[in-house]
C-alpha atoms as a PDB file:
ATOM      1  CA  MET A   1     -85.083 -27.468  29.583  1.00  0.00           C
ATOM      2  CA  LYS A   2     -82.352 -27.028  32.184  1.00  0.00           C
ATOM      3  CA  GLN A   3     -80.988 -30.481  31.382  1.00  0.00           C
ATOM      4  CA  LYS A   4     -81.021 -29.661  27.654  1.00  0.00           C
ATOM      5  CA  ASN A   5     -79.086 -26.443  28.263  1.00  0.00           C
ATOM      6  CA  MET A   6     -76.463 -28.275  30.279  1.00  0.00           C
ATOM      7  CA  LEU A   7     -76.067 -30.849  27.519  1.00  0.00           C
ATOM      8  CA  THR A   8     -75.668 -28.118  24.911  1.00  0.00           C
ATOM      9  CA  TRP A   9     -73.031 -26.427  27.070  1.00  0.00           C
ATOM     10  CA  ALA A  10     -71.140 -29.663  27.537  1.00  0.00           C
ATOM     11  CA  VAL A  11     -71.116 -30.339  23.803  1.00  0.00           C
ATOM     12  CA  SER A  12     -69.947 -26.791  23.119  1.00  0.00           C
ATOM     13  CA  ALA A  13     -67.168 -27.137  25.682  1.00  0.00           C
ATOM     14  CA  ILE A  14     -65.985 -30.405  24.130  1.00  0.00           C
ATOM     15  CA  VAL A  15     -66.004 -28.900  20.628  1.00  0.00           C
ATOM     16  CA  TYR A  16     -64.113 -25.835  21.834  1.00  0.00           C
ATOM     17  CA  LEU A  17     -61.577 -27.962  23.669  1.00  0.00           C
ATOM     18  CA  GLY A  18     -61.117 -30.048  20.500  1.00  0.00           C
ATOM     19  CA  LEU A  19     -60.551 -26.946  18.434  1.00  0.00           C
ATOM     20  CA  VAL A  20     -57.967 -25.648  20.934  1.00  0.00           C
ATOM     21  CA  ILE A  21     -56.115 -28.941  21.027  1.00  0.00           C
ATOM     22  CA  GLY A  22     -56.226 -29.276  17.244  1.00  0.00           C
ATOM     23  CA  GLY A  23     -55.035 -25.734  16.707  1.00  0.00           C
ATOM     24  CA  TYR A  24     -52.132 -26.222  19.104  1.00  0.00           C
ATOM     25  CA  SER A  25     -51.110 -29.432  17.373  1.00  0.00           C
ATOM     26  CA  VAL A  26     -51.063 -27.714  13.984  1.00  0.00           C
ATOM     27  CA  TYR A  27     -49.033 -24.821  15.434  1.00  0.00           C
ATOM     28  CA  ALA A  28     -46.550 -27.167  17.063  1.00  0.00           C
ATOM     29  CA  SER A  29     -46.173 -29.119  13.835  1.00  0.00           C
ATOM     30  CA  LEU A  30     -45.588 -25.981  11.776  1.00  0.00           C
ATOM     31  CA  ASN A  31     -43.116 -24.581  14.292  1.00  0.00           C
ATOM     32  CA  GLY A  32     -41.266 -27.879  14.375  1.00  0.00           C
ATOM     33  CA  ASN A  33     -40.937 -27.851  10.595  1.00  0.00           C
ATOM     34  CA  ASN A  34     -39.593 -24.304  10.686  1.00  0.00           C
ATOM     35  CA  ASP A  35     -37.070 -25.266  13.352  1.00  0.00           C
ATOM     36  CA  HIS A  36     -35.893 -28.220  11.260  1.00  0.00           C
ATOM     37  CA  THR A  37     -35.640 -26.072   8.145  1.00  0.00           C
ATOM     38  CA  ASP A  38     -33.641 -23.401   9.995  1.00  0.00           C
ATOM     39  CA  THR A  39     -31.285 -26.004  11.455  1.00  0.00           C
ATOM     40  CA  HIS A  40     -30.734 -27.598   8.033  1.00  0.00           C
ATOM     41  CA  ASP A  41     -30.058 -24.221   6.419  1.00  0.00           C
ATOM     42  CA  GLU A  42     -27.578 -23.329   9.173  1.00  0.00           C
ATOM     43  CA  ALA A  43     -25.779 -26.651   8.735  1.00  0.00           C
ATOM     44  CA  LYS A  44     -25.680 -26.103   4.972  1.00  0.00           C
ATOM     45  CA  THR A  45     -24.260 -22.608   5.454  1.00  0.00           C
ATOM     46  CA  ASN A  46     -21.646 -23.842   7.897  1.00  0.00           C
ATOM     47  CA  GLY A  47     -20.804 -26.695   5.537  1.00  0.00           C
ATOM     48  CA  ASN A  48     -20.303 -24.284   2.650  1.00  0.00           C
ATOM     49  CA  GLU A  49     -18.161 -22.019   4.790  1.00  0.00           C
ATOM     50  CA  GLU A  50     -16.095 -24.980   5.919  1.00  0.00           C
ATOM     51  CA  LYS A  51     -15.756 -26.188   2.320  1.00  0.00           C
ATOM     52  CA  GLU A  52     -14.717 -22.723   1.173  1.00  0.00           C
ATOM     53  CA  SER A  53     -12.202 -22.586   4.014  1.00  0.00           C
ATOM     54  CA  ILE A  54     -10.773 -25.962   3.009  1.00  0.00           C
ATOM     55  CA  ASN A  55     -10.627 -24.929  -0.655  1.00  0.00           C
ATOM     56  CA  GLU A  56      -8.946 -21.669   0.250  1.00  0.00           C
ATOM     57  CA  GLN A  57      -6.396 -23.493   2.404  1.00  0.00           C
ATOM     58  CA  ALA A  58      -5.780 -26.004  -0.367  1.00  0.00           C
ATOM     59  CA  HIS A  59      -5.253 -23.133  -2.813  1.00  0.00           C
ATOM     60  CA  ASN A  60      -2.848 -21.443  -0.432  1.00  0.00           C
ATOM     61  CA  ASP A  61      -0.950 -24.677   0.225  1.00  0.00           C
ATOM     62  CA  ASN A  62      -0.706 -25.325  -3.508  1.00  0.00           C
ATOM     63  CA  HIS A  63       0.507 -21.781  -4.095  1.00  0.00           C
ATOM     64  CA  ILE A  64       3.162 -22.155  -1.411  1.00  0.00           C
ATOM     65  CA  SER A  65       4.227 -25.480  -2.858  1.00  0.00           C
ATOM     66  CA  GLN A  66       4.545 -24.034  -6.341  1.00  0.00           C
ATOM     67  CA  SER A  67       6.479 -21.044  -5.074  1.00  0.00           C
ATOM     68  CA  SER A  68       8.921 -23.093  -3.019  1.00  0.00           C
ATOM     69  CA  ASP A  69       9.419 -25.525  -5.849  1.00  0.00           C
ATOM     70  CA  GLY A  70      10.320 -22.926  -8.421  1.00  0.00           C
ATOM     71  CA  LYS A  71      13.126 -23.741 -10.783  1.00  0.00           C
ATOM     72  CA  ASP A  72      15.857 -21.449 -11.951  1.00  0.00           C
ATOM     73  CA  SER A  73      17.285 -22.493 -15.323  1.00  0.00           C
ATOM     74  CA  GLY A  74      21.033 -22.461 -15.656  1.00  0.00           C
ATOM     75  CA  HIS A  75      21.739 -22.503 -11.935  1.00  0.00           C
ATOM     76  CA  SER A  76      23.266 -25.672 -10.592  1.00  0.00           C
ATOM     77  CA  ASP A  77      22.264 -24.998  -7.007  1.00  0.00           C
ATOM     78  CA  HIS A  78      18.500 -24.912  -7.437  1.00  0.00           C
ATOM     79  CA  VAL A  79      17.924 -28.592  -6.758  1.00  0.00           C
ATOM     80  CA  ASP A  80      18.863 -28.143  -3.131  1.00  0.00           C
ATOM     81  CA  GLN A  81      15.455 -29.233  -1.837  1.00  0.00           C
ATOM     82  CA  LEU A  82      15.526 -32.522  -3.785  1.00  0.00           C
ATOM     83  CA  GLU A  83      17.248 -35.668  -2.666  1.00  0.00           C
ATOM     84  CA  SER A  84      20.024 -36.500  -5.092  1.00  0.00           C
ATOM     85  CA  LYS A  85      19.396 -39.725  -6.992  1.00  0.00           C
ATOM     86  CA  VAL A  86      22.915 -39.842  -8.424  1.00  0.00           C
ATOM     87  CA  VAL A  87      26.183 -40.555  -6.643  1.00  0.00           C
ATOM     88  CA  THR A  88      29.537 -39.290  -7.947  1.00  0.00           C
ATOM     89  CA  ASN A  89      33.043 -40.283  -6.908  1.00  0.00           C
ATOM     90  CA  VAL A  90      36.289 -38.599  -7.900  1.00  0.00           C
ATOM     91  CA  LYS A  91      39.829 -39.929  -7.622  1.00  0.00           C
ATOM     92  CA  TYR A  92      43.232 -39.000  -8.986  1.00  0.00           C
ATOM     93  CA  GLU A  93      45.710 -41.626 -10.185  1.00  0.00           C
ATOM     94  CA  LYS A  94      48.964 -41.114 -12.116  1.00  0.00           C
ATOM     95  CA  GLY A  95      47.944 -37.881 -13.746  1.00  0.00           C
ATOM     96  CA  LEU A  96      44.375 -38.996 -14.450  1.00  0.00           C
ATOM     97  CA  ILE A  97      41.187 -37.582 -12.954  1.00  0.00           C
ATOM     98  CA  ILE A  98      38.635 -40.400 -12.825  1.00  0.00           C
ATOM     99  CA  ILE A  99      34.953 -39.747 -12.102  1.00  0.00           C
ATOM    100  CA  ASP A 100      32.436 -42.500 -11.515  1.00  0.00           C
ATOM    101  CA  VAL A 101      28.728 -41.633 -11.915  1.00  0.00           C
ATOM    102  CA  LYS A 102      26.031 -44.060 -10.779  1.00  0.00           C
ATOM    103  CA  ASP A 103      22.404 -43.912  -9.766  1.00  0.00           C
ATOM    104  CA  LYS A 104      21.012 -45.546  -6.599  1.00  0.00           C
ATOM    105  CA  ASP A 105      20.769 -48.885  -8.435  1.00  0.00           C
ATOM    106  CA  GLN A 106      24.397 -48.697  -9.576  1.00  0.00           C
ATOM    107  CA  ASN A 107      23.376 -48.009 -13.141  1.00  0.00           C
ATOM    108  CA  SER A 108      25.039 -45.430 -15.359  1.00  0.00           C
ATOM    109  CA  PRO A 109      22.617 -42.512 -15.803  1.00  0.00           C
ATOM    110  CA  GLU A 110      22.307 -40.731 -19.105  1.00  0.00           C
ATOM    111  CA  LEU A 111      23.704 -37.196 -18.911  1.00  0.00           C
ATOM    112  CA  GLU A 112      22.429 -34.229 -20.866  1.00  0.00           C
ATOM    113  CA  ILE A 113      24.769 -31.737 -22.506  1.00  0.00           C
ATOM    114  CA  SER A 114      24.921 -28.453 -20.624  1.00  0.00           C
ATOM    115  CA  HIS A 115      26.728 -25.489 -22.129  1.00  0.00           C
ATOM    116  CA  GLU A 116      28.399 -27.608 -24.785  1.00  0.00           C
ATOM    117  CA  LYS A 117      29.796 -30.185 -22.325  1.00  0.00           C
ATOM    118  CA  ILE A 118      28.433 -33.360 -20.800  1.00  0.00           C
ATOM    119  CA  MET A 119      30.322 -32.666 -17.579  1.00  0.00           C
ATOM    120  CA  HIS A 120      31.786 -29.605 -15.866  1.00  0.00           C
ATOM    121  CA  LEU A 121      34.270 -30.472 -13.152  1.00  0.00           C
ATOM    122  CA  ILE A 122      35.271 -27.703 -10.753  1.00  0.00           C
ATOM    123  CA  ILE A 123      38.259 -28.364  -8.517  1.00  0.00           C
ATOM    124  CA  VAL A 124      39.418 -25.933  -5.815  1.00  0.00           C
ATOM    125  CA  SER A 125      42.182 -26.284  -3.245  1.00  0.00           C
ATOM    126  CA  ALA A 126      41.301 -26.601   0.432  1.00  0.00           C
ATOM    127  CA  ASP A 127      42.187 -22.938   1.027  1.00  0.00           C
ATOM    128  CA  LEU A 128      40.097 -21.900  -2.027  1.00  0.00           C
ATOM    129  CA  GLU A 129      43.141 -20.384  -3.711  1.00  0.00           C
ATOM    130  CA  ASP A 130      43.672 -22.751  -6.642  1.00  0.00           C
ATOM    131  CA  TYR A 131      40.807 -23.115  -9.100  1.00  0.00           C
ATOM    132  CA  TYR A 132      40.323 -25.413 -12.090  1.00  0.00           C
ATOM    133  CA  HIS A 133      37.371 -25.813 -14.453  1.00  0.00           C
ATOM    134  CA  VAL A 134      37.820 -28.871 -16.680  1.00  0.00           C
ATOM    135  CA  HIS A 135      35.711 -31.250 -18.764  1.00  0.00           C
ATOM    136  CA  PRO A 136      36.307 -35.004 -18.431  1.00  0.00           C
ATOM    137  CA  GLU A 137      35.209 -37.237 -21.283  1.00  0.00           C
ATOM    138  CA  GLU A 138      32.990 -40.296 -21.122  1.00  0.00           C
ATOM    139  CA  LYS A 139      34.678 -43.670 -21.363  1.00  0.00           C
ATOM    140  CA  GLY A 140      31.627 -45.847 -20.849  1.00  0.00           C
ATOM    141  CA  LYS A 141      29.760 -47.470 -17.950  1.00  0.00           C
ATOM    142  CA  GLY A 142      29.473 -44.203 -16.045  1.00  0.00           C
ATOM    143  CA  VAL A 143      33.222 -43.533 -16.031  1.00  0.00           C
ATOM    144  CA  TYR A 144      34.639 -40.159 -17.106  1.00  0.00           C
ATOM    145  CA  ILE A 145      38.355 -39.496 -17.439  1.00  0.00           C
ATOM    146  CA  LEU A 146      40.638 -36.506 -17.960  1.00  0.00           C
ATOM    147  CA  LYS A 147      44.406 -36.397 -18.155  1.00  0.00           C
ATOM    148  CA  PHE A 148      45.397 -33.477 -15.970  1.00  0.00           C
ATOM    149  CA  ASP A 149      48.359 -32.604 -13.758  1.00  0.00           C
ATOM    150  CA  LEU A 150      47.226 -31.559 -10.289  1.00  0.00           C
ATOM    151  CA  PRO A 151      49.907 -30.297  -7.878  1.00  0.00           C
ATOM    152  CA  GLU A 152      50.161 -31.994  -4.492  1.00  0.00           C
ATOM    153  CA  ASN A 153      47.431 -30.587  -2.308  1.00  0.00           C
ATOM    154  CA  SER A 154      44.033 -31.267  -0.809  1.00  0.00           C
ATOM    155  CA  TYR A 155      41.091 -30.304  -3.000  1.00  0.00           C
ATOM    156  CA  LYS A 156      37.368 -30.266  -3.192  1.00  0.00           C
ATOM    157  CA  ALA A 157      35.810 -31.440  -6.430  1.00  0.00           C
ATOM    158  CA  PHE A 158      32.356 -30.485  -7.709  1.00  0.00           C
ATOM    159  CA  VAL A 159      30.867 -32.633 -10.451  1.00  0.00           C
ATOM    160  CA  ASP A 160      28.414 -30.411 -12.306  1.00  0.00           C
ATOM    161  CA  ILE A 161      26.169 -32.603 -14.470  1.00  0.00           C
ATOM    162  CA  LYS A 162      22.538 -32.891 -15.621  1.00  0.00           C
ATOM    163  CA  PRO A 163      21.357 -36.507 -15.314  1.00  0.00           C
ATOM    164  CA  LYS A 164      18.324 -37.138 -17.517  1.00  0.00           C
ATOM    165  CA  ASN A 165      15.102 -37.492 -15.492  1.00  0.00           C
ATOM    166  CA  LEU A 166      16.982 -37.812 -12.193  1.00  0.00           C
ATOM    167  CA  ALA A 167      17.365 -35.306  -9.375  1.00  0.00           C
ATOM    168  CA  TYR A 168      20.954 -34.351  -8.702  1.00  0.00           C
ATOM    169  CA  GLN A 169      22.617 -31.995  -6.271  1.00  0.00           C
ATOM    170  CA  VAL A 170      26.230 -30.894  -6.618  1.00  0.00           C
ATOM    171  CA  SER A 171      28.133 -31.696  -3.428  1.00  0.00           C
ATOM    172  CA  PRO A 172      31.808 -31.313  -2.493  1.00  0.00           C
ATOM    173  CA  ILE A 173      34.009 -34.392  -2.835  1.00  0.00           C
ATOM    174  CA  GLY A 174      37.341 -34.543  -1.031  1.00  0.00           C
ATOM    175  CA  LEU A 175      40.326 -35.206  -3.276  1.00  0.00           C
ATOM    176  CA  HIS A 176      43.907 -35.636  -2.032  1.00  0.00           C
ATOM    177  CA  VAL A 177      46.904 -35.506  -4.337  1.00  0.00           C
ATOM    178  CA  GLY A 178      50.318 -36.539  -3.034  1.00  0.00           C
ATOM    179  CA  LYS A 179      51.253 -36.315   0.634  1.00  0.00           C
ATOM    180  CA  GLY A 180      50.143 -32.745   1.190  1.00  0.00           C
ATOM    181  CA  HIS A 181      46.808 -33.067   2.969  1.00  0.00           C
ATOM    182  CA  SER A 182      46.193 -29.578   4.276  1.00  0.00           C
ATOM    183  CA  GLU A 183      42.747 -29.231   5.799  1.00  0.00           C
ATOM    184  CA  HIS A 184      40.304 -26.462   5.057  1.00  0.00           C
ATOM    185  CA  LYS A 185      40.355 -23.850   7.804  1.00  0.00           C
ATOM    186  CA  GLU A 186      37.403 -21.930   9.148  1.00  0.00           C
ATOM    187  CA  ASN A 187      36.784 -18.695   7.269  1.00  0.00           C
ATOM    188  CA  PRO A 188      40.220 -18.191   5.628  1.00  0.00           C
ATOM    189  CA  LEU A 189      38.944 -15.605   3.166  1.00  0.00           C
ATOM    190  CA  LYS A 190      39.356 -11.855   3.403  1.00  0.00           C
ATOM    191  CA  VAL A 191      36.772  -9.664   1.762  1.00  0.00           C
ATOM    192  CA  ASP A 192      38.156  -7.747  -1.217  1.00  0.00           C
ATOM    193  CA  THR A 193      38.224  -3.993  -0.828  1.00  0.00           C
ATOM    194  CA  ASN A 194      39.082  -3.661  -4.515  1.00  0.00           C
ATOM    195  CA  LEU A 195      36.892  -5.577  -6.939  1.00  0.00           C
ATOM    196  CA  THR A 196      39.089  -4.928  -9.973  1.00  0.00           C
ATOM    197  CA  LYS A 197      41.361  -7.736 -11.154  1.00  0.00           C
ATOM    198  CA  THR A 198      43.864  -7.916 -14.011  1.00  0.00           C
ATOM    199  CA  ILE A 199      44.941 -11.256 -15.495  1.00  0.00           C
ATOM    200  CA  ASN A 200      47.020 -11.663 -18.649  1.00  0.00           C
ATOM    201  CA  GLU A 201      46.743  -7.889 -19.208  1.00  0.00           C
ATOM    202  CA  LYS A 202      42.935  -8.095 -19.308  1.00  0.00           C
ATOM    203  CA  THR A 203      41.072  -6.213 -16.579  1.00  0.00           C
ATOM    204  CA  VAL A 204      37.645  -7.062 -15.172  1.00  0.00           C
ATOM    205  CA  GLU A 205      35.755  -5.131 -12.505  1.00  0.00           C
ATOM    206  CA  LEU A 206      32.891  -6.594 -10.469  1.00  0.00           C
ATOM    207  CA  THR A 207      29.953  -4.559  -9.221  1.00  0.00           C
ATOM    208  CA  THR A 208      26.880  -5.949  -7.506  1.00  0.00           C
ATOM    209  CA  THR A 209      23.441  -4.953  -6.401  1.00  0.00           C
ATOM    210  CA  GLU A 210      22.737  -5.126  -2.670  1.00  0.00           C
ATOM    211  CA  LEU A 211      24.122  -8.374  -1.276  1.00  0.00           C
ATOM    212  CA  GLY A 212      21.160  -9.432   0.836  1.00  0.00           C
ATOM    213  CA  ILE A 213      19.653 -12.746   1.876  1.00  0.00           C
ATOM    214  CA  ASN A 214      17.052 -14.352  -0.418  1.00  0.00           C
ATOM    215  CA  LYS A 215      17.170 -11.399  -2.783  1.00  0.00           C
ATOM    216  CA  ASP A 216      17.824 -11.389  -6.500  1.00  0.00           C
ATOM    217  CA  VAL A 217      21.445 -10.297  -6.768  1.00  0.00           C
ATOM    218  CA  THR A 218      22.945  -9.072 -10.034  1.00  0.00           C
ATOM    219  CA  LEU A 219      26.667  -9.547 -10.603  1.00  0.00           C
ATOM    220  CA  SER A 220      27.933  -7.209 -13.298  1.00  0.00           C
ATOM    221  CA  PHE A 221      31.396  -7.740 -14.766  1.00  0.00           C
ATOM    222  CA  ASP A 222      32.877  -4.738 -16.562  1.00  0.00           C
ATOM    223  CA  THR A 223      35.373  -6.039 -19.127  1.00  0.00           C
ATOM    224  CA  LYS A 224      36.604  -2.529 -19.897  1.00  0.00           C
ATOM    225  CA  GLY A 225      35.329  -2.242 -23.435  1.00  0.00           C
ATOM    226  CA  ILE A 226      36.583  -5.631 -24.575  1.00  0.00           C
ATOM    227  CA  THR A 227      33.849  -8.107 -25.422  1.00  0.00           C
ATOM    228  CA  PRO A 228      34.788 -11.613 -24.237  1.00  0.00           C
ATOM    229  CA  GLU A 229      34.926 -14.359 -26.794  1.00  0.00           C
ATOM    230  CA  PRO A 230      32.186 -17.013 -26.640  1.00  0.00           C
ATOM    231  CA  TYR A 231      33.087 -19.628 -24.065  1.00  0.00           C
ATOM    232  CA  LEU A 232      31.016 -22.802 -23.670  1.00  0.00           C
ATOM    233  CA  GLY A 233      28.107 -21.177 -25.426  1.00  0.00           C
ATOM    234  CA  ALA A 234      28.092 -17.961 -23.384  1.00  0.00           C
ATOM    235  CA  LEU A 235      30.003 -14.734 -22.781  1.00  0.00           C
ATOM    236  CA  GLY A 236      31.231 -16.098 -19.492  1.00  0.00           C
ATOM    237  CA  HIS A 237      30.567 -18.311 -16.502  1.00  0.00           C
ATOM    238  CA  VAL A 238      30.536 -17.674 -12.773  1.00  0.00           C
ATOM    239  CA  VAL A 239      31.169 -20.137  -9.957  1.00  0.00           C
ATOM    240  CA  ILE A 240      30.489 -19.220  -6.337  1.00  0.00           C
ATOM    241  CA  LEU A 241      31.542 -21.058  -3.162  1.00  0.00           C
ATOM    242  CA  ASP A 242      30.955 -20.210   0.469  1.00  0.00           C
ATOM    243  CA  ASP A 243      33.988 -19.842   2.729  1.00  0.00           C
ATOM    244  CA  LYS A 244      33.674 -23.467   3.876  1.00  0.00           C
ATOM    245  CA  GLY A 245      33.775 -24.766   0.335  1.00  0.00           C
ATOM    246  CA  GLU A 246      30.414 -26.497   0.766  1.00  0.00           C
ATOM    247  CA  LYS A 247      27.796 -24.383  -1.006  1.00  0.00           C
ATOM    248  CA  PHE A 248      28.295 -24.515  -4.790  1.00  0.00           C
ATOM    249  CA  VAL A 249      26.630 -22.242  -7.320  1.00  0.00           C
ATOM    250  CA  HIS A 250      27.315 -22.297 -11.069  1.00  0.00           C
ATOM    251  CA  VAL A 251      25.775 -19.208 -12.643  1.00  0.00           C
ATOM    252  CA  HIS A 252      25.325 -18.429 -16.317  1.00  0.00           C
ATOM    253  CA  PRO A 253      24.756 -14.999 -17.873  1.00  0.00           C
ATOM    254  CA  THR A 254      21.239 -13.616 -18.146  1.00  0.00           C
ATOM    255  CA  SER A 255      22.001 -12.046 -21.508  1.00  0.00           C
ATOM    256  CA  GLU A 256      23.776 -13.102 -24.690  1.00  0.00           C
ATOM    257  CA  GLU A 257      25.156  -9.601 -25.098  1.00  0.00           C
ATOM    258  CA  LYS A 258      26.076  -8.502 -21.571  1.00  0.00           C
ATOM    259  CA  THR A 259      28.220 -10.006 -18.821  1.00  0.00           C
ATOM    260  CA  LEU A 260      25.419  -9.870 -16.265  1.00  0.00           C
ATOM    261  CA  PHE A 261      24.676 -12.740 -13.909  1.00  0.00           C
ATOM    262  CA  GLU A 262      21.864 -13.250 -11.397  1.00  0.00           C
ATOM    263  CA  THR A 263      21.800 -15.435  -8.312  1.00  0.00           C
ATOM    264  CA  LYS A 264      20.562 -15.619  -4.714  1.00  0.00           C
ATOM    265  CA  PHE A 265      22.231 -16.184  -1.366  1.00  0.00           C
ATOM    266  CA  ASP A 266      20.242 -18.045   1.281  1.00  0.00           C
ATOM    267  CA  LYS A 267      22.695 -17.455   4.120  1.00  0.00           C
ATOM    268  CA  PRO A 268      24.900 -14.580   5.244  1.00  0.00           C
ATOM    269  CA  GLY A 269      28.642 -15.052   5.069  1.00  0.00           C
ATOM    270  CA  ILE A 270      31.751 -14.661   2.978  1.00  0.00           C
ATOM    271  CA  TYR A 271      31.771 -16.076  -0.544  1.00  0.00           C
ATOM    272  CA  LYS A 272      34.371 -16.468  -3.244  1.00  0.00           C
ATOM    273  CA  VAL A 273      33.344 -15.687  -6.799  1.00  0.00           C
ATOM    274  CA  TRP A 274      35.234 -16.778  -9.889  1.00  0.00           C
ATOM    275  CA  GLY A 275      34.282 -15.007 -13.111  1.00  0.00           C
ATOM    276  CA  GLU A 276      35.483 -16.883 -16.204  1.00  0.00           C
ATOM    277  CA  PHE A 277      36.008 -14.947 -19.426  1.00  0.00           C
ATOM    278  CA  LYS A 278      37.830 -15.781 -22.630  1.00  0.00           C
ATOM    279  CA  PHE A 279      40.189 -13.261 -24.222  1.00  0.00           C
ATOM    280  CA  ASP A 280      42.590 -13.908 -27.102  1.00  0.00           C
ATOM    281  CA  GLY A 281      41.779 -17.608 -27.018  1.00  0.00           C
ATOM    282  CA  LYS A 282      42.578 -17.973 -23.308  1.00  0.00           C
ATOM    283  CA  VAL A 283      40.152 -18.377 -20.423  1.00  0.00           C
ATOM    284  CA  ASN A 284      40.952 -16.177 -17.444  1.00  0.00           C
ATOM    285  CA  SER A 285      39.433 -16.896 -14.032  1.00  0.00           C
ATOM    286  CA  TYR A 286      38.964 -13.724 -11.994  1.00  0.00           C
ATOM    287  CA  PRO A 287      38.610 -14.343  -8.238  1.00  0.00           C
ATOM    288  CA  PHE A 288      36.625 -11.999  -5.992  1.00  0.00           C
ATOM    289  CA  VAL A 289      35.753 -12.311  -2.310  1.00  0.00           C
ATOM    290  CA  ILE A 290      32.500 -10.703  -1.219  1.00  0.00           C
ATOM    291  CA  GLU A 291      30.412 -10.618   1.952  1.00  0.00           C
ATOM    292  CA  VAL A 292      26.670 -11.163   2.141  1.00  0.00           C
ATOM    293  CA  LYS A 293      24.962  -9.703   5.201  1.00  0.00           C
END
């Protein structure tokens, strides 16, 4: 009997031990699965967060790119961030202004008409006193010519064109006529205290909104009750140069009925503004010197 009881106890102990070991194995297996599931879910969450972060950054980068690449129609200076694919050369020989226009492969690019002309050529003297706005005509093979008498002086020429499907930036080109080669001096301009000018008995007054950096600036020209005649498809044109004669801006009116012009200045400094208006069949160029702070 005693031996039988001991055998029963031993069997019971083995069964119990088996149940304990089996139960622990099941528990460990279940816990391991939970741990794996939790780790996978955490990785998935982190992956989604990372993906959302990347998408958000991509959206922001795209937004910045679109904003910085905005275009302003009618303004010749808004291709500043693009490398010019067209090269222009200007020379003066025996009363002729000769402009050569070529792309990087020395081909003659097709030019689009802008404000009724295929080319606007702005010429200013080195001291920014003399100002000419003329329109050379195409003679073929990228050559444009205009018969024009320029007094002896040193000039800077700005070839304002719109090559078809090619980036182009207007840059100053040195032009010397005769023996007088006066050099451009640093900051020769004096800011006008009176922004009212009279030319050929026609008076124009300039007023502006705040002249700040990277702000939309409105230039308003009061023609004293006399509506200018249409000139190159508009009521007027405005050309702006910095005091070094390097930064060129050709601005067109924002309205067909008012002599209002909008532009921006990306640097502080002194600028010369020429407002061009046509009265009695003649185009008057009104010069103003302003300061942007």
